Structures are given as C-alpha cells and as structure tokens.
Amino acid sequence: MTYLETTAKFYAEAAATPQVGLCCISTPPLQYPDLKIPEIIQQMNYGCGTTIHPTELTGAPTVLYIGVGGGLEALQFAYFCRRPSAVIAVDPVAAMREAATRNLQIAAQENSWFQPEFVKILDGDAFALPVADASVDVVAQNCLFNIFEPDDLRRALKEVYRVLKPKGRLIMSDPIATRPIPSHLQRDERLRAMCLSGAMTYAEYTQQLIDAGFGQVEIRARRPYRLLDTQTFNLDAPLLLESLDSVSFKVPIPKDGACIFTGRTAIYNGNEEMLDDRAGHMLLRGNPVAVCDKTAKTLAAQFPQDVIITDPTWHYNGGGCC
C-alpha cells in the first residue's frame, strides 16, 4: 500500500467515525454573524489552522477547495460566496465526499442563507484537478499538502498554478517542522497521514511555492502545532511542529526574486524627512513601512545606520511595499 492509499484509508475511517482533534484543532472554528456550524462539522474539523481570510474573498470569487473533509471550510467559504457552485470542493475519498454532503445538508437546515448548491463536491485529487486552466480565483487546502512527498508536492502545486487565474491566490494552512524530520518518521505512512511526519521546514516549504512560480507569498500566521516527544517518536530531542497559514499569489516572480512578507517593517531613522532608495521605496522618518524579506535585507545592507529592520511577526495583512 502506498502512502497515498494509506492516507485515503485513514480519512475514510475518519469520515465514518468523527475524531475530534484528529489533527490539532481543539478550539472552536472561526465564527461569523449568522453562521451556525453544525456539531458534526465541528467534530470533523480536520485542519491545522484556517484558510478563511475575508480580505481575500471580496467580490464573491470562485473557490476551489482541495480535500473537503467534513465540509467546514467549504461552508465558511460559501458564507462569503453565496451563489451556486461558487465553492468547488474536490476529494478523492468517497466516504469523505458523502459525509461532507450530509453535513452540508444539515448546515442548510440550520442556516437560512445557505443552500447546498453553493458547494459543488467533485471526485478528484490534487494531481488532476477537475477544472479548466485559469478558471478559479482562489485555491485553498488545509493540512493536506504537508502529507505529500516532495515530488508529489511539486505536482500538486503545478496543478494549482494551472487552474488559478492570473493574480489568483493559493491559500494554505500546513504544518511545518522547526528542523528536518528524521527519515524513520517520514517513512511511517500512518504518521504522515496524521500530519505528523511529512512536514518540511519553513525554508523548504516556501521554496516549493517559489519554484511553482508564485511571485508573492504572504505569511498570515505561524504558531505552535504539535510537539513530537522523545519517547513516543524515538527522537534524541523533542521536535516542534508549527502551523503555517499563507497566501501565495499567481503573479510573475520579479527579476530580483520572489517577495515573501513575514511582518517585517523598515523604519527610517536618519536626519532627513524622508529616505528615497531610488528603487521604489519611500520611507518617512519614524514611520514603520511593511516590507518583504528581500527588501528588508537590501535596505539593511544599503543603509545600516539609517534604517531599522524589525523582526518578523509572522503575521502580515497587507500594505507596504516590496
């Protein structure tokens, strides 16, 4: 049995018997006015963070959601995109598709604004998405791509890039590892299916996005996810996994490299009223300006005495320059 078959079997079982906190979520899902999340959907909240970022959902975009799970985020996306087939949910596990369909029927009974036809559930997987080229505004996945081995992750990201419209957004939430995961854990297919042994490091993860062609990556959240202890996982030292929420944009990669925003700011502290670096960055004295990591590094090198670069906050919600 390949690791993907193991994963499919694992989530077929999770569809038949809901497992609260299967991944890491023990807190209630995001709540919005007039949105009631049925109890069964909360029990099947199999994710490590959230892909619901309202600022990315203006204009009622078409959303492709990979790995429907119990239907939680499909329902939340439909909250912002209230029209038939606005949310296309793809899942290769028949039992999970059936469970999500039942759960969304319950959601329709508990939410007067929601209609099941807002969400179109399709058979399919991340390597062959059943939609046309450049046909969706947003692709989202929660706690799935970390399961893939590197070559399969590249295939999935290439497929996502294909279906996104120009300037479209890939919204993801995945575990990452604070150091490389030992090979004996990576080979454990069930641990991989549980999102405990397939995670890449932050640098590896973001490089995969850049290699796929995404010219801008924004980190929305980075926080502790799970601790792999020494006894259970046969480790020399505990290994912390983190949950990373990100939004990647299908825009060309600049000649000087992709822009990754992690919450850094640049603050001009010189004698003039303003600093113009002659590369498109204007800094008013004393005013923090959000900058991507690439620009932060360049400004720090060019103006070491006059520009203060703040540490990443691992949260970025727009503004600034790159």
Protein backbone atom coordinates (compact mmCIF):
# COMPACT_ATOMS: atom_id res chain seq x y z
CA MET A 1 0.00 0.00 0.00
CA THR A 2 1.46 3.38 -0.98
CA TYR A 3 1.39 6.30 1.44
CA LEU A 4 -1.43 7.93 -0.52
CA GLU A 5 -3.50 4.76 -0.23
CA THR A 6 -2.78 4.70 3.49
CA THR A 7 -3.91 8.31 3.71
CA ALA A 8 -7.14 7.59 1.81
CA LYS A 9 -7.93 4.65 4.11
CA PHE A 10 -7.15 6.74 7.18
CA TYR A 11 -9.55 9.51 6.16
CA ALA A 12 -12.24 7.07 5.08
CA GLU A 13 -12.16 5.86 8.68
CA ALA A 14 -12.26 9.46 9.94
CA ALA A 15 -15.31 10.09 7.76
CA ALA A 16 -17.14 7.08 9.17
CA THR A 17 -16.20 7.82 12.78
CA PRO A 18 -15.53 11.51 13.51
CA GLN A 19 -12.34 12.00 15.52
CA VAL A 20 -12.32 15.25 17.46
CA GLY A 21 -8.90 16.90 17.41
CA LEU A 22 -7.56 14.46 14.81
CA CYS A 23 -5.01 17.00 13.55
CA CYS A 24 -4.54 19.70 16.16
CA ILE A 25 -7.64 21.81 16.39
CA SER A 26 -9.15 21.83 19.87
CA THR A 27 -10.50 25.39 19.71
CA PRO A 28 -13.81 26.30 18.06
CA PRO A 29 -13.72 27.22 14.36
CA LEU A 30 -13.99 30.85 13.28
CA GLN A 31 -17.44 32.30 13.83
CA TYR A 32 -19.19 34.87 11.64
CA PRO A 33 -22.55 36.68 12.03
CA ASP A 34 -25.49 34.45 11.07
CA LEU A 35 -23.23 31.43 10.52
CA LYS A 36 -24.09 28.37 12.59
CA ILE A 37 -21.68 25.47 12.27
CA PRO A 38 -23.38 22.12 12.96
CA GLU A 39 -21.90 20.00 15.72
CA ILE A 40 -20.95 17.18 13.35
CA ILE A 41 -18.95 19.59 11.20
CA GLN A 42 -17.13 20.87 14.27
CA GLN A 43 -16.27 17.29 15.22
CA MET A 44 -14.81 16.73 11.74
CA ASN A 45 -12.65 19.85 11.83
CA TYR A 46 -9.56 18.12 10.42
CA GLY A 47 -7.15 21.00 9.91
CA CYS A 48 -4.16 22.72 11.47
CA GLY A 49 -5.22 26.35 11.09
CA THR A 50 -7.56 28.24 8.76
CA THR A 51 -7.70 29.21 5.11
CA ILE A 52 -10.56 31.65 5.63
CA HIS A 53 -9.20 35.18 5.19
CA PRO A 54 -12.10 37.57 4.47
CA THR A 55 -9.83 40.14 2.79
CA GLU A 56 -9.12 37.59 0.05
CA LEU A 57 -12.82 36.84 -0.52
CA THR A 58 -14.22 40.15 -1.69
CA GLY A 59 -16.19 40.13 -4.94
CA ALA A 60 -17.62 36.62 -4.40
CA PRO A 61 -14.72 34.71 -6.02
CA THR A 62 -14.87 31.18 -7.35
CA VAL A 63 -13.09 28.97 -4.80
CA LEU A 64 -11.59 25.53 -5.39
CA TYR A 65 -11.13 23.68 -2.12
CA ILE A 66 -8.89 20.60 -2.15
CA GLY A 67 -9.77 17.96 0.43
CA VAL A 68 -13.34 18.73 1.54
CA GLY A 69 -13.10 16.94 4.90
CA GLY A 70 -16.28 17.38 6.92
CA GLY A 71 -17.23 20.48 4.96
CA LEU A 72 -16.26 23.15 7.50
CA GLU A 73 -14.24 25.47 5.30
CA ALA A 74 -16.44 24.80 2.27
CA LEU A 75 -19.32 26.14 4.38
CA GLN A 76 -17.24 29.09 5.57
CA PHE A 77 -16.17 29.94 2.01
CA ALA A 78 -19.81 29.73 0.91
CA TYR A 79 -20.62 32.31 3.58
CA PHE A 80 -18.66 34.81 1.50
CA CYS A 81 -19.57 33.40 -1.95
CA ARG A 82 -23.34 32.89 -1.96
CA ARG A 83 -24.11 31.55 -5.41
CA PRO A 84 -24.43 28.11 -7.00
CA SER A 85 -21.10 26.28 -7.48
CA ALA A 86 -19.16 29.24 -6.06
CA VAL A 87 -17.22 26.69 -3.99
CA ILE A 88 -15.89 23.62 -5.78
CA ALA A 89 -14.74 21.01 -3.26
CA VAL A 90 -12.57 18.15 -4.52
CA ASP A 91 -11.81 14.98 -2.57
CA PRO A 92 -10.58 11.53 -3.68
CA VAL A 93 -12.16 9.73 -0.70
CA ALA A 94 -15.75 8.72 -1.45
CA ALA A 95 -16.65 8.35 2.23
CA MET A 96 -15.47 11.88 2.93
CA ARG A 97 -17.42 13.31 -0.01
CA GLU A 98 -20.53 11.54 1.23
CA ALA A 99 -20.03 12.77 4.81
CA ALA A 100 -19.49 16.36 3.65
CA THR A 101 -22.65 16.20 1.52
CA ARG A 102 -24.67 15.01 4.52
CA ASN A 103 -23.10 17.62 6.79
CA LEU A 104 -23.85 20.48 4.39
CA GLN A 105 -27.47 19.35 4.19
CA ILE A 106 -27.61 19.77 7.97
CA ALA A 107 -25.95 23.17 7.64
CA ALA A 108 -28.69 24.22 5.21
CA GLN A 109 -31.31 23.35 7.83
CA GLU A 110 -29.54 25.44 10.46
CA ASN A 111 -28.57 28.44 8.26
CA SER A 112 -31.32 30.19 6.33
CA TRP A 113 -28.82 31.90 4.00
CA PHE A 114 -27.04 28.68 2.95
CA GLN A 115 -28.08 26.47 0.06
CA PRO A 116 -26.28 23.15 -0.58
CA GLU A 117 -25.85 24.04 -4.27
CA PHE A 118 -23.44 26.79 -3.20
CA VAL A 119 -20.90 23.96 -2.78
CA LYS A 120 -20.21 21.56 -5.64
CA ILE A 121 -18.46 18.42 -4.40
CA LEU A 122 -16.44 16.50 -7.01
CA ASP A 123 -14.38 13.34 -7.13
CA GLY A 124 -10.77 14.25 -7.82
CA ASP A 125 -7.35 14.74 -6.32
CA ALA A 126 -4.67 17.40 -6.11
CA PHE A 127 -2.70 15.95 -9.02
CA ALA A 128 -5.52 16.19 -11.59
CA LEU A 129 -7.96 18.91 -10.56
CA PRO A 130 -11.26 18.60 -12.47
CA VAL A 131 -11.43 22.25 -13.58
CA ALA A 132 -10.18 24.18 -16.59
CA ASP A 133 -6.99 26.21 -16.90
CA ALA A 134 -7.11 29.69 -15.31
CA SER A 135 -10.71 29.18 -14.17
CA VAL A 136 -10.74 29.87 -10.41
CA ASP A 137 -9.89 32.89 -8.28
CA VAL A 138 -8.87 31.06 -5.11
CA VAL A 139 -7.49 27.60 -4.38
CA ALA A 140 -7.42 26.52 -0.75
CA GLN A 141 -6.20 23.48 1.19
CA ASN A 142 -5.88 22.84 4.90
CA CYS A 143 -3.45 20.28 6.35
CA LEU A 144 -3.20 18.20 3.17
CA PHE A 145 -0.18 19.26 1.14
CA ASN A 146 2.16 18.58 4.08
CA ILE A 147 1.31 14.89 3.66
CA PHE A 148 2.80 14.81 0.15
CA GLU A 149 6.34 13.68 -0.51
CA PRO A 150 8.42 16.41 -2.24
CA ASP A 151 7.89 15.22 -5.83
CA ASP A 152 4.15 14.87 -5.27
CA LEU A 153 4.01 18.30 -3.66
CA ARG A 154 5.62 19.77 -6.76
CA ARG A 155 2.98 18.06 -8.90
CA ALA A 156 0.17 19.42 -6.75
CA LEU A 157 1.50 22.98 -6.76
CA LYS A 158 1.97 22.86 -10.54
CA GLU A 159 -1.64 21.77 -10.89
CA VAL A 160 -2.84 24.56 -8.59
CA TYR A 161 -0.89 27.09 -10.63
CA ARG A 162 -2.57 25.77 -13.79
CA VAL A 163 -6.15 26.29 -12.59
CA LEU A 164 -5.65 29.70 -10.97
CA LYS A 165 -6.47 32.84 -12.88
CA PRO A 166 -3.68 35.42 -13.23
CA LYS A 167 -3.34 37.19 -9.85
CA GLY A 168 -5.27 34.31 -8.29
CA ARG A 169 -4.48 33.20 -4.75
CA LEU A 170 -3.44 29.92 -3.20
CA ILE A 171 -4.49 29.91 0.46
CA MET A 172 -2.92 27.19 2.58
CA SER A 173 -2.58 26.03 6.15
CA ASP A 174 0.01 23.32 6.78
CA PRO A 175 2.30 22.05 9.50
CA ILE A 176 5.99 22.87 9.09
CA ALA A 177 8.92 21.46 11.05
CA THR A 178 11.38 23.55 13.06
CA ARG A 179 14.12 21.15 11.93
CA PRO A 180 14.21 18.34 9.37
CA ILE A 181 12.07 15.36 10.37
CA PRO A 182 14.15 12.17 10.73
CA SER A 183 13.77 9.58 7.98
CA HIS A 184 12.34 6.90 10.27
CA LEU A 185 9.34 9.14 10.94
CA GLN A 186 8.98 10.22 7.32
CA ARG A 187 8.70 6.56 6.32
CA ASP A 188 5.82 5.94 8.74
CA GLU A 189 2.81 6.21 6.41
CA ARG A 190 0.21 6.47 9.16
CA LEU A 191 2.08 9.27 10.93
CA ARG A 192 2.32 11.02 7.55
CA ALA A 193 -1.44 10.65 7.08
CA MET A 194 -1.90 12.15 10.55
CA CYS A 195 0.12 15.24 9.50
CA LEU A 196 2.91 14.37 11.93
CA SER A 197 5.83 13.25 9.79
CA GLY A 198 5.64 14.78 6.30
CA ALA A 199 6.20 18.43 7.19
CA MET A 200 9.03 20.39 5.56
CA THR A 201 10.97 23.19 7.18
CA TYR A 202 9.81 26.76 6.58
CA ALA A 203 12.61 27.40 4.09
CA GLU A 204 11.82 24.22 2.13
CA TYR A 205 8.10 24.93 2.14
CA THR A 206 8.35 28.48 0.85
CA GLN A 207 10.93 27.47 -1.76
CA GLN A 208 8.45 24.94 -3.14
CA LEU A 209 5.96 27.80 -3.66
CA ILE A 210 8.55 29.92 -5.42
CA ASP A 211 9.63 27.00 -7.60
CA ALA A 212 6.00 26.55 -8.64
CA GLY A 213 6.01 30.12 -9.97
CA PHE A 214 4.31 32.14 -7.23
CA GLY A 215 5.86 35.60 -7.20
CA GLN A 216 4.48 36.78 -3.86
CA VAL A 217 3.93 34.85 -0.64
CA GLU A 218 2.33 36.35 2.45
CA ILE A 219 2.53 34.70 5.87
CA ARG A 220 -0.75 35.16 7.74
CA ALA A 221 0.06 33.14 10.85
CA ARG A 222 2.78 30.92 12.31
CA ARG A 223 2.19 29.24 15.64
CA PRO A 224 2.96 26.01 17.57
CA TYR A 225 1.11 22.93 16.31
CA ARG A 226 2.40 19.72 17.92
CA LEU A 227 5.43 18.61 19.90
CA LEU A 228 6.93 15.26 18.95
CA ASP A 229 8.37 13.90 22.19
CA THR A 230 11.49 11.77 22.52
CA GLN A 231 9.88 8.61 23.86
CA THR A 232 6.86 8.23 21.58
CA PHE A 233 8.72 9.17 18.42
CA ASN A 234 12.21 7.80 19.19
CA LEU A 235 13.96 11.16 18.96
CA ASP A 236 17.14 12.48 20.53
CA ALA A 237 15.40 15.75 21.36
CA PRO A 238 11.79 16.98 21.15
CA LEU A 239 10.79 18.29 17.73
CA LEU A 240 8.31 21.17 17.47
CA LEU A 241 5.92 21.33 14.54
CA GLU A 242 4.32 24.66 13.71
CA SER A 243 1.17 25.61 11.81
CA LEU A 244 1.77 27.99 8.90
CA ASP A 245 -1.05 29.93 7.22
CA SER A 246 -0.04 31.53 3.93
CA VAL A 247 -1.44 33.20 0.81
CA SER A 248 0.53 32.86 -2.44
CA PHE A 249 -0.25 34.97 -5.49
CA LYS A 250 -0.03 33.92 -9.12
CA VAL A 251 1.99 36.91 -10.21
CA PRO A 252 5.33 36.89 -12.07
CA ILE A 253 8.45 36.43 -9.98
CA PRO A 254 10.45 39.70 -10.06
CA LYS A 255 13.92 39.61 -11.58
CA ASP A 256 15.48 40.01 -8.14
CA GLY A 257 13.44 37.17 -6.64
CA ALA A 258 10.05 36.44 -5.11
CA CYS A 259 8.57 38.65 -2.41
CA ILE A 260 7.85 36.94 0.91
CA PHE A 261 6.11 39.01 3.57
CA THR A 262 6.56 37.86 7.17
CA GLY A 263 5.55 41.00 9.04
CA ARG A 264 8.87 42.84 8.89
CA THR A 265 8.91 46.62 8.76
CA ALA A 266 11.56 49.15 7.76
CA ILE A 267 11.88 52.36 9.81
CA TYR A 268 13.94 55.32 8.61
CA ASN A 269 15.88 56.90 11.45
CA GLY A 270 18.11 59.38 9.59
CA ASN A 271 18.47 63.15 9.52
CA GLU A 272 16.25 63.89 6.52
CA GLU A 273 12.46 63.96 6.46
CA MET A 274 12.36 61.04 4.07
CA LEU A 275 14.57 58.34 2.55
CA ASP A 276 14.30 57.51 -1.14
CA ASP A 277 16.36 54.42 -2.01
CA ARG A 278 15.90 55.08 -5.77
CA ALA A 279 14.35 51.61 -6.11
CA GLY A 280 10.72 52.49 -5.40
CA HIS A 281 10.84 52.66 -1.60
CA MET A 282 9.99 55.92 0.17
CA LEU A 283 10.40 55.90 3.96
CA LEU A 284 9.17 58.79 6.08
CA ARG A 285 11.30 59.32 9.14
CA GLY A 286 9.96 57.39 12.11
CA ASN A 287 7.14 55.67 10.24
CA PRO A 288 7.29 51.84 10.00
CA VAL A 289 6.63 50.53 6.49
CA ALA A 290 5.81 46.87 5.85
CA VAL A 291 8.43 45.32 3.56
CA CYS A 292 9.07 41.88 2.17
CA ASP A 293 12.09 39.95 3.46
CA LYS A 294 14.02 40.62 0.24
CA THR A 295 13.57 44.39 0.53
CA ALA A 296 14.34 44.28 4.26
CA LYS A 297 17.69 42.62 3.54
CA THR A 298 18.53 45.13 0.79
CA LEU A 299 17.67 48.19 2.88
CA ALA A 300 19.62 46.87 5.86
CA ALA A 301 22.68 46.41 3.67
CA GLN A 302 22.41 49.79 1.91
CA PHE A 303 21.52 51.93 4.94
CA PRO A 304 22.85 50.13 8.03
CA GLN A 305 22.99 53.35 10.10
CA ASP A 306 19.72 54.92 8.97
CA VAL A 307 17.19 52.09 8.58
CA ILE A 308 15.97 49.83 11.36
CA ILE A 309 14.53 46.47 10.25
CA THR A 310 12.13 44.85 12.70
CA ASP A 311 11.92 41.10 13.24
CA PRO A 312 9.20 39.03 11.54
CA THR A 313 5.91 38.98 13.38
CA TRP A 314 4.83 36.01 11.24
CA HIS A 315 1.64 37.87 10.52
CA TYR A 316 1.03 40.09 7.50
CA ASN A 317 -2.26 41.57 6.36
CA GLY A 318 -1.31 43.90 3.53
CA GLY A 319 0.23 47.29 2.87
CA GLY A 320 3.79 48.42 2.50
CA CYS A 321 6.00 47.68 -0.48
CA CYS A 322 8.29 45.03 -1.88
